[in-house]
Each structure stands twice: as structure tokens, then as C-alpha cells.
PDB file of N, CA and C in Angstrom:
ATOM      1  N   UNK A   1       6.628  14.518   0.736  1.00  0.00           N
ATOM      2  CA  UNK A   1       6.170  13.586   0.261  1.00  0.00           C
ATOM      3  C   UNK A   1       6.704  12.210   0.478  1.00  0.00           C
ATOM      4  N   UNK A   2       5.802  11.383   0.764  1.00  0.00           N
ATOM      5  CA  UNK A   2       6.386   9.741   1.180  1.00  0.00           C
ATOM      6  C   UNK A   2       7.198   9.049  -0.829  1.00  0.00           C
ATOM      7  N   UNK A   3       8.215   7.818  -0.654  1.00  0.00           N
ATOM      8  CA  UNK A   3       8.005   7.166  -1.359  1.00  0.00           C
ATOM      9  C   UNK A   3       7.381   5.833  -1.206  1.00  0.00           C
ATOM     10  N   UNK A   4       7.534   5.334  -2.338  1.00  0.00           N
ATOM     11  CA  UNK A   4       6.770   3.906  -2.286  1.00  0.00           C
ATOM     12  C   UNK A   4       7.182   3.148  -3.265  1.00  0.00           C
ATOM     13  N   UNK A   5       7.681   1.827  -2.648  1.00  0.00           N
ATOM     14  CA  UNK A   5       8.399   1.230  -3.771  1.00  0.00           C
ATOM     15  C   UNK A   5       7.387  -0.330  -3.791  1.00  0.00           C
ATOM     16  N   UNK A   6       6.799  -0.452  -5.309  1.00  0.00           N
ATOM     17  CA  UNK A   6       6.007  -1.514  -5.522  1.00  0.00           C
ATOM     18  C   UNK A   6       7.006  -2.520  -6.718  1.00  0.00           C
ATOM     19  N   UNK A   7       7.161  -3.659  -5.931  1.00  0.00           N
ATOM     20  CA  UNK A   7       7.715  -4.402  -6.476  1.00  0.00           C
ATOM     21  C   UNK A   7       9.273  -4.224  -6.988  1.00  0.00           C
ATOM     22  N   UNK A   8       9.903  -3.349  -6.145  1.00  0.00           N
ATOM     23  CA  UNK A   8      11.291  -3.188  -6.544  1.00  0.00           C
ATOM     24  C   UNK A   8      11.371  -1.655  -7.539  1.00  0.00           C
ATOM     25  N   UNK A   9      10.269  -1.236  -8.009  1.00  0.00           N
ATOM     26  CA  UNK A   9      10.087  -0.010  -8.395  1.00  0.00           C
ATOM     27  C   UNK A   9       9.554   1.300  -7.612  1.00  0.00           C
ATOM     28  N   UNK A  10      10.523   2.313  -7.384  1.00  0.00           N
ATOM     29  CA  UNK A  10      10.233   3.298  -6.385  1.00  0.00           C
ATOM     30  C   UNK A  10       9.659   4.439  -6.928  1.00  0.00           C
ATOM     31  N   UNK A  11       8.404   5.322  -6.677  1.00  0.00           N
ATOM     32  CA  UNK A  11       7.824   6.210  -6.707  1.00  0.00           C
ATOM     33  C   UNK A  11       7.309   7.314  -5.943  1.00  0.00           C
ATOM     34  N   UNK A  12       7.345   8.616  -6.168  1.00  0.00           N
ATOM     35  CA  UNK A  12       6.848   9.412  -5.178  1.00  0.00           C
ATOM     36  C   UNK A  12       5.410   9.578  -4.681  1.00  0.00           C
ATOM     37  N   UNK A  13       4.519   9.805  -3.611  1.00  0.00           N
ATOM     38  CA  UNK A  13       3.036   9.580  -3.385  1.00  0.00           C
ATOM     39  C   UNK A  13       2.895  10.636  -2.333  1.00  0.00           C
ATOM     40  N   UNK A  14       1.234  10.411  -2.232  1.00  0.00           N
ATOM     41  CA  UNK A  14       0.643  11.239  -1.553  1.00  0.00           C
ATOM     42  C   UNK A  14      -0.728  10.050  -1.063  1.00  0.00           C
ATOM     43  N   UNK A  15      -0.963   9.615  -2.013  1.00  0.00           N
ATOM     44  CA  UNK A  15      -2.146   8.736  -1.907  1.00  0.00           C
ATOM     45  C   UNK A  15      -1.765   7.369  -2.786  1.00  0.00           C
ATOM     46  N   UNK A  16      -2.209   6.235  -2.109  1.00  0.00           N
ATOM     47  CA  UNK A  16      -1.980   4.877  -3.070  1.00  0.00           C
ATOM     48  C   UNK A  16      -3.510   3.911  -3.056  1.00  0.00           C
ATOM     49  N   UNK A  17      -3.763   3.380  -3.972  1.00  0.00           N
ATOM     50  CA  UNK A  17      -5.208   3.126  -4.226  1.00  0.00           C
ATOM     51  C   UNK A  17      -4.379   1.331  -4.940  1.00  0.00           C
ATOM     52  N   UNK A  18      -5.054   0.205  -4.408  1.00  0.00           N
ATOM     53  CA  UNK A  18      -4.654  -1.117  -4.952  1.00  0.00           C
ATOM     54  C   UNK A  18      -5.735  -1.906  -5.043  1.00  0.00           C
ATOM     55  N   UNK A  19      -6.218  -2.177  -6.737  1.00  0.00           N
ATOM     56  CA  UNK A  19      -7.829  -2.711  -6.925  1.00  0.00           C
ATOM     57  C   UNK A  19      -6.972  -3.665  -7.915  1.00  0.00           C
ATOM     58  N   UNK A  20      -7.656  -4.969  -7.946  1.00  0.00           N
ATOM     59  CA  UNK A  20      -7.616  -5.631  -9.054  1.00  0.00           C
ATOM     60  C   UNK A  20      -6.179  -5.949  -9.413  1.00  0.00           C
ATOM     61  N   UNK A  21      -4.994  -5.888  -8.659  1.00  0.00           N
ATOM     62  CA  UNK A  21      -4.095  -6.211  -9.167  1.00  0.00           C
ATOM     63  C   UNK A  21      -3.278  -4.692  -9.708  1.00  0.00           C
ATOM     64  N   UNK A  22      -3.920  -3.756  -9.886  1.00  0.00           N
ATOM     65  CA  UNK A  22      -3.196  -2.739 -10.294  1.00  0.00           C
ATOM     66  C   UNK A  22      -3.211  -1.502  -9.269  1.00  0.00           C
ATOM     67  N   UNK A  23      -1.955  -0.793  -9.360  1.00  0.00           N
ATOM     68  CA  UNK A  23      -1.741   0.098  -8.311  1.00  0.00           C
ATOM     69  C   UNK A  23      -1.686   1.560  -8.829  1.00  0.00           C
ATOM     70  N   UNK A  24      -2.564   2.594  -8.201  1.00  0.00           N
ATOM     71  CA  UNK A  24      -2.961   3.544  -8.524  1.00  0.00           C
ATOM     72  C   UNK A  24      -1.985   4.773  -7.715  1.00  0.00           C
ATOM     73  N   UNK A  25      -0.923   5.174  -7.973  1.00  0.00           N
ATOM     74  CA  UNK A  25      -0.451   6.294  -7.408  1.00  0.00           C
ATOM     75  C   UNK A  25      -1.147   7.513  -7.609  1.00  0.00           C
ATOM     76  N   UNK A  26      -1.529   8.235  -6.846  1.00  0.00           N
ATOM     77  CA  UNK A  26      -1.858   9.831  -6.782  1.00  0.00           C
ATOM     78  C   UNK A  26      -2.703   9.860  -8.332  1.00  0.00           C
ATOM     79  N   UNK A  27      -3.433   9.117  -8.619  1.00  0.00           N
ATOM     80  CA  UNK A  27      -4.349   8.868  -9.714  1.00  0.00           C
ATOM     81  C   UNK A  27      -3.740   8.564 -10.812  1.00  0.00           C
ATOM     82  N   UNK A  28      -2.667   8.008 -10.929  1.00  0.00           N
ATOM     83  CA  UNK A  28      -1.620   7.705 -11.921  1.00  0.00           C
ATOM     84  C   UNK A  28      -1.190   5.871 -11.455  1.00  0.00           C
ATOM     85  N   UNK A  29      -1.620   5.050 -12.772  1.00  0.00           N
ATOM     86  CA  UNK A  29      -1.216   3.803 -12.603  1.00  0.00           C
ATOM     87  C   UNK A  29       0.219   3.501 -12.763  1.00  0.00           C
ATOM     88  N   UNK A  30       0.785   2.543 -11.798  1.00  0.00           N
ATOM     89  CA  UNK A  30       2.131   2.165 -11.590  1.00  0.00           C
ATOM     90  C   UNK A  30       2.267   0.823 -12.780  1.00  0.00           C
ATOM     91  N   UNK A  31       3.587   0.693 -12.912  1.00  0.00           N
ATOM     92  CA  UNK A  31       3.312  -0.576 -13.934  1.00  0.00           C
ATOM     93  C   UNK A  31       3.688  -1.905 -13.189  1.00  0.00           C
ATOM     94  N   UNK A  32       2.557  -2.935 -13.077  1.00  0.00           N
ATOM     95  CA  UNK A  32       2.662  -4.022 -12.176  1.00  0.00           C
ATOM     96  C   UNK A  32       2.200  -5.143 -12.893  1.00  0.00           C
ATOM     97  N   UNK A  33       2.383  -5.109 -14.472  1.00  0.00           N
ATOM     98  CA  UNK A  33       2.231  -6.348 -15.221  1.00  0.00           C
ATOM     99  C   UNK A  33       2.740  -7.786 -15.035  1.00  0.00           C
ATOM    100  N   UNK A  34       4.055  -7.565 -14.744  1.00  0.00           N
ATOM    101  CA  UNK A  34       4.775  -8.848 -14.719  1.00  0.00           C
ATOM    102  C   UNK A  34       4.901  -9.233 -13.463  1.00  0.00           C
ATOM    103  N   UNK A  35       4.215  -8.860 -12.164  1.00  0.00           N
ATOM    104  CA  UNK A  35       4.277  -9.090 -10.887  1.00  0.00           C
ATOM    105  C   UNK A  35       3.466  -9.972 -10.891  1.00  0.00           C
ATOM    106  N   UNK A  36       4.023 -11.678 -10.043  1.00  0.00           N
ATOM    107  CA  UNK A  36       3.221 -12.803  -9.646  1.00  0.00           C
ATOM    108  C   UNK A  36       2.634 -11.960  -8.100  1.00  0.00           C
ATOM    109  N   UNK A  37       3.404 -11.306  -7.229  1.00  0.00           N
ATOM    110  CA  UNK A  37       2.785 -11.092  -6.177  1.00  0.00           C
ATOM    111  C   UNK A  37       2.830  -9.635  -5.899  1.00  0.00           C
ATOM    112  N   UNK A  38       2.014  -8.759  -5.293  1.00  0.00           N
ATOM    113  CA  UNK A  38       2.209  -7.717  -4.604  1.00  0.00           C
ATOM    114  C   UNK A  38       2.725  -7.305  -3.290  1.00  0.00           C
ATOM    115  N   UNK A  39       3.928  -6.856  -3.495  1.00  0.00           N
ATOM    116  CA  UNK A  39       4.466  -6.445  -2.231  1.00  0.00           C
ATOM    117  C   UNK A  39       4.716  -4.672  -2.383  1.00  0.00           C
ATOM    118  N   UNK A  40       4.535  -4.074  -1.527  1.00  0.00           N
ATOM    119  CA  UNK A  40       4.169  -2.303  -1.157  1.00  0.00           C
ATOM    120  C   UNK A  40       5.112  -2.053  -0.339  1.00  0.00           C
ATOM    121  N   UNK A  41       6.058  -1.314  -0.112  1.00  0.00           N
ATOM    122  CA  UNK A  41       6.512  -0.613   0.956  1.00  0.00           C
ATOM    123  C   UNK A  41       6.726   1.059   0.585  1.00  0.00           C
ATOM    124  N   UNK A  42       6.113   1.815   2.171  1.00  0.00           N
ATOM    125  CA  UNK A  42       6.108   3.046   1.813  1.00  0.00           C
ATOM    126  C   UNK A  42       6.664   3.825   2.749  1.00  0.00           C
ATOM    127  N   UNK A  43       7.702   4.487   2.277  1.00  0.00           N
ATOM    128  CA  UNK A  43       8.922   5.457   3.251  1.00  0.00           C
ATOM    129  C   UNK A  43       8.195   6.463   3.103  1.00  0.00           C
ATOM    130  N   UNK A  44       7.710   7.382   4.483  1.00  0.00           N
ATOM    131  CA  UNK A  44       7.203   8.734   5.104  1.00  0.00           C
ATOM    132  C   UNK A  44       5.809   8.632   5.087  1.00  0.00           C
ATOM    133  N   UNK A  45       5.382   9.926   5.281  1.00  0.00           N
ATOM    134  CA  UNK A  45       4.070  10.326   5.607  1.00  0.00           C
ATOM    135  C   UNK A  45       3.182   9.960   4.119  1.00  0.00           C
ATOM    136  N   UNK A  46       1.869   9.322   4.493  1.00  0.00           N
ATOM    137  CA  UNK A  46       0.950   9.633   3.121  1.00  0.00           C
ATOM    138  C   UNK A  46      -0.659   9.812   3.701  1.00  0.00           C
ATOM    139  N   UNK A  47      -1.369  10.425   2.959  1.00  0.00           N
ATOM    140  CA  UNK A  47      -2.772  10.603   3.400  1.00  0.00           C
ATOM    141  C   UNK A  47      -3.561   9.314   2.933  1.00  0.00           C
ATOM    142  N   UNK A  48      -3.444   8.602   2.547  1.00  0.00           N
ATOM    143  CA  UNK A  48      -4.433   7.098   2.552  1.00  0.00           C
ATOM    144  C   UNK A  48      -3.693   6.176   1.851  1.00  0.00           C
ATOM    145  N   UNK A  49      -4.151   5.029   2.136  1.00  0.00           N
ATOM    146  CA  UNK A  49      -3.754   3.864   1.819  1.00  0.00           C
ATOM    147  C   UNK A  49      -5.133   2.834   1.601  1.00  0.00           C
ATOM    148  N   UNK A  50      -5.483   2.512   0.464  1.00  0.00           N
ATOM    149  CA  UNK A  50      -6.325   1.624   0.154  1.00  0.00           C
ATOM    150  C   UNK A  50      -6.350   0.349  -0.692  1.00  0.00           C
ATOM    151  N   UNK A  51      -6.803  -0.606  -0.338  1.00  0.00           N
ATOM    152  CA  UNK A  51      -6.248  -1.973  -0.929  1.00  0.00           C
ATOM    153  C   UNK A  51      -7.397  -3.010  -0.788  1.00  0.00           C
ATOM    154  N   UNK A  52      -7.356  -3.319  -1.774  1.00  0.00           N
ATOM    155  CA  UNK A  52      -8.652  -4.701  -1.794  1.00  0.00           C
ATOM    156  C   UNK A  52      -7.730  -6.101  -1.857  1.00  0.00           C
ATOM    157  N   UNK A  53      -6.502  -5.888  -2.222  1.00  0.00           N
ATOM    158  CA  UNK A  53      -5.774  -7.254  -1.936  1.00  0.00           C
ATOM    159  C   UNK A  53      -4.111  -7.022  -2.098  1.00  0.00           C
ATOM    160  N   UNK A  54      -3.470  -7.468  -1.179  1.00  0.00           N
ATOM    161  CA  UNK A  54      -1.973  -7.238  -1.184  1.00  0.00           C
ATOM    162  C   UNK A  54      -1.092  -8.232  -0.284  1.00  0.00           C
ATOM    163  N   UNK A  55      -0.094  -8.896  -1.047  1.00  0.00           N
ATOM    164  CA  UNK A  55       0.594  -9.936  -0.425  1.00  0.00           C
ATOM    165  C   UNK A  55       1.157  -9.312   1.075  1.00  0.00           C
ATOM    166  N   UNK A  56       1.699  -8.219   1.041  1.00  0.00           N
ATOM    167  CA  UNK A  56       2.554  -7.571   1.856  1.00  0.00           C
ATOM    168  C   UNK A  56       2.380  -6.177   1.668  1.00  0.00           C
ATOM    169  N   UNK A  57       2.107  -5.003   2.607  1.00  0.00           N
ATOM    170  CA  UNK A  57       1.967  -4.070   2.412  1.00  0.00           C
ATOM    171  C   UNK A  57       2.983  -3.310   3.785  1.00  0.00           C
ATOM    172  N   UNK A  58       3.845  -2.593   4.026  1.00  0.00           N
ATOM    173  CA  UNK A  58       4.468  -1.982   4.977  1.00  0.00           C
ATOM    174  C   UNK A  58       4.771  -0.343   4.828  1.00  0.00           C
ATOM    175  N   UNK A  59       4.277   0.244   6.189  1.00  0.00           N
ATOM    176  CA  UNK A  59       4.006   1.844   5.805  1.00  0.00           C
ATOM    177  C   UNK A  59       5.165   2.041   6.848  1.00  0.00           C
ATOM    178  N   UNK A  60       6.228   2.826   6.322  1.00  0.00           N
ATOM    179  CA  UNK A  60       7.236   3.266   7.797  1.00  0.00           C
ATOM    180  C   UNK A  60       6.845   5.031   7.437  1.00  0.00           C
ATOM    181  N   UNK A  61       6.086   5.517   8.422  1.00  0.00           N
ATOM    182  CA  UNK A  61       5.832   6.613   8.488  1.00  0.00           C
ATOM    183  C   UNK A  61       4.392   6.937   9.127  1.00  0.00           C
ATOM    184  N   UNK A  62       3.945   8.254   9.113  1.00  0.00           N
ATOM    185  CA  UNK A  62       2.397   8.003   9.364  1.00  0.00           C
ATOM    186  C   UNK A  62       1.498   8.089   8.055  1.00  0.00           C
ATOM    187  N   UNK A  63       0.346   7.655   8.333  1.00  0.00           N
ATOM    188  CA  UNK A  63      -0.670   7.352   7.466  1.00  0.00           C
ATOM    189  C   UNK A  63      -2.211   8.013   7.763  1.00  0.00           C
ATOM    190  N   UNK A  64      -2.753   8.850   7.223  1.00  0.00           N
ATOM    191  CA  UNK A  64      -4.068   9.179   7.432  1.00  0.00           C
ATOM    192  C   UNK A  64      -5.183   8.082   7.615  1.00  0.00           C
ATOM    193  N   UNK A  65      -5.542   7.028   6.896  1.00  0.00           N
ATOM    194  CA  UNK A  65      -6.484   6.273   6.688  1.00  0.00           C
ATOM    195  C   UNK A  65      -5.739   5.051   6.182  1.00  0.00           C
ATOM    196  N   UNK A  66      -5.871   3.766   6.425  1.00  0.00           N
ATOM    197  CA  UNK A  66      -5.772   2.346   5.777  1.00  0.00           C
ATOM    198  C   UNK A  66      -6.974   1.916   5.613  1.00  0.00           C
ATOM    199  N   UNK A  67      -7.398   1.189   4.330  1.00  0.00           N
ATOM    200  CA  UNK A  67      -8.395   0.267   4.153  1.00  0.00           C
ATOM    201  C   UNK A  67      -7.930  -0.914   3.636  1.00  0.00           C
ATOM    202  N   UNK A  68      -8.019  -1.792   3.958  1.00  0.00           N
ATOM    203  CA  UNK A  68      -7.526  -3.222   3.097  1.00  0.00           C
ATOM    204  C   UNK A  68      -8.623  -4.352   3.352  1.00  0.00           C
ATOM    205  N   UNK A  69      -9.399  -5.012   1.927  1.00  0.00           N
ATOM    206  CA  UNK A  69     -10.013  -6.104   2.078  1.00  0.00           C
ATOM    207  C   UNK A  69      -9.656  -7.357   2.361  1.00  0.00           C
ATOM    208  N   UNK A  70      -8.039  -7.814   2.196  1.00  0.00           N
ATOM    209  CA  UNK A  70      -7.484  -8.592   2.232  1.00  0.00           C
ATOM    210  C   UNK A  70      -5.943  -8.409   2.158  1.00  0.00           C
ATOM    211  N   UNK A  71      -5.452  -9.161   3.163  1.00  0.00           N
ATOM    212  CA  UNK A  71      -3.915  -8.934   3.044  1.00  0.00           C
ATOM    213  C   UNK A  71      -3.128  -8.428   4.101  1.00  0.00           C
ATOM    214  N   UNK A  72      -1.905  -8.235   4.456  1.00  0.00           N
ATOM    215  CA  UNK A  72      -1.002  -8.325   5.298  1.00  0.00           C
ATOM    216  C   UNK A  72      -0.409  -6.720   5.580  1.00  0.00           C
ATOM    217  N   UNK A  73      -0.854  -5.785   6.235  1.00  0.00           N
ATOM    218  CA  UNK A  73      -0.654  -4.631   6.291  1.00  0.00           C
ATOM    219  C   UNK A  73       0.360  -4.376   7.545  1.00  0.00           C
ATOM    220  N   UNK A  74       1.497  -3.602   7.712  1.00  0.00           N
ATOM    221  CA  UNK A  74       2.032  -3.132   9.042  1.00  0.00           C
ATOM    222  C   UNK A  74       2.298  -2.071   8.830  1.00  0.00           C
ATOM    223  N   UNK A  75       1.599  -1.368   9.937  1.00  0.00           N
ATOM    224  CA  UNK A  75       1.452   0.279  10.279  1.00  0.00           C
ATOM    225  C   UNK A  75       0.716   0.890  11.283  1.00  0.00           C
ATOM    226  N   UNK A  76       0.370   1.898  11.408  1.00  0.00           N
ATOM    227  CA  UNK A  76      -0.434   2.373  12.433  1.00  0.00           C
ATOM    228  C   UNK A  76      -1.308   2.004  12.900  1.00  0.00           C
ATOM    229  N   UNK A  77      -2.574   2.485  12.939  1.00  0.00           N
ATOM    230  CA  UNK A  77      -4.028   2.091  12.743  1.00  0.00           C
ATOM    231  C   UNK A  77      -4.812   1.797  11.417  1.00  0.00           C
ATOM    232  N   UNK A  78      -5.319   0.698  11.722  1.00  0.00           N
ATOM    233  CA  UNK A  78      -5.655  -0.094  10.456  1.00  0.00           C
ATOM    234  C   UNK A  78      -7.348  -0.147  10.886  1.00  0.00           C
ATOM    235  N   UNK A  79      -8.204  -0.564   9.641  1.00  0.00           N
ATOM    236  CA  UNK A  79      -9.568  -0.748   9.322  1.00  0.00           C
ATOM    237  C   UNK A  79      -9.282  -2.050   8.064  1.00  0.00           C
ATOM    238  N   UNK A  80      -9.322  -3.322   8.856  1.00  0.00           N
ATOM    239  CA  UNK A  80      -9.135  -4.470   7.692  1.00  0.00           C
ATOM    240  C   UNK A  80     -10.353  -5.594   7.958  1.00  0.00           C
ATOM    241  N   UNK A  81     -10.849  -5.984   6.853  1.00  0.00           N
ATOM    242  CA  UNK A  81     -12.108  -7.286   6.704  1.00  0.00           C
ATOM    243  C   UNK A  81     -11.531  -8.546   7.155  1.00  0.00           C
ATOM    244  N   UNK A  82     -10.025  -8.626   6.319  1.00  0.00           N
ATOM    245  CA  UNK A  82      -9.428 -10.133   6.718  1.00  0.00           C
ATOM    246  C   UNK A  82      -7.923  -9.724   6.240  1.00  0.00           C
ATOM    247  N   UNK A  83      -7.251 -10.523   6.529  1.00  0.00           N
ATOM    248  CA  UNK A  83      -5.622 -10.388   7.174  1.00  0.00           C
ATOM    249  C   UNK A  83      -5.089 -10.031   8.118  1.00  0.00           C
ATOM    250  N   UNK A  84      -3.609 -10.114   8.284  1.00  0.00           N
ATOM    251  CA  UNK A  84      -3.125  -9.600   9.663  1.00  0.00           C
ATOM    252  C   UNK A  84      -2.722  -8.290   9.816  1.00  0.00           C
ATOM    253  N   UNK A  85      -3.032  -7.650  10.918  1.00  0.00           N
ATOM    254  CA  UNK A  85      -2.424  -6.650  11.316  1.00  0.00           C
ATOM    255  C   UNK A  85      -1.500  -6.413  12.198  1.00  0.00           C
ATOM    256  N   UNK A  86      -0.330  -5.955  11.879  1.00  0.00           N
ATOM    257  CA  UNK A  86       0.788  -5.907  12.760  1.00  0.00           C
ATOM    258  C   UNK A  86       1.121  -4.428  13.396  1.00  0.00           C
ATOM    259  N   UNK A  87       0.944  -3.816  14.325  1.00  0.00           N
ATOM    260  CA  UNK A  87       1.140  -2.751  15.186  1.00  0.00           C
ATOM    261  C   UNK A  87       2.248  -2.823  15.577  1.00  0.00           C
ATOM    262  N   UNK A  88       3.206  -1.709  15.137  1.00  0.00           N
ATOM    263  CA  UNK A  88       4.475  -1.614  16.070  1.00  0.00           C
ATOM    264  C   UNK A  88       4.221  -0.949  17.163  1.00  0.00           C
TER     265      UNK A  88
END
């Protein structure tokens, strides 16, 4: 199982969904209430990362699928509508 750090707080994770400023980790919502920016860092392998908008997302490991509408994601293979994609 991977770990994810959302604005400085670390969780164990298999799947991540970011939607309208809220982060769902394996179906449970992470506390992001006081965060002016959304910064996410994943360490390890995850099944899926879905995001509507994020300032920066970095995935250190394998990811089954990544989908984002807006934001910068750094990882392996990525599908994005807008935002920067940096391939390692």
C-alpha cells in the first residue's frame, strides 16, 4: 500500500480522487479545510489517481491510471485535458 501526503498530512492509500477541493482516499475524505493550495505527493504504487484540479501532484511509484482536468501531475503515463505533464 502506498502513502499519500496532502498538504503535510500523510495517509495510507490505494485510490485517490480530488474533486472540488476535497480529497477522497479509498472512499474516505481527508481534511483539507484550511488549505489555500492543493499539493499532493504519493509514495508507492496506487491503482488510480483522479483529479479535477490540483496545484501540484507528484506520484513516486507506479499508478494504474491518472486522470486530471486541470493541474500539474508528475508521474508515468498520464491523460490530461489541461495542465503540465512531466514524464520521468
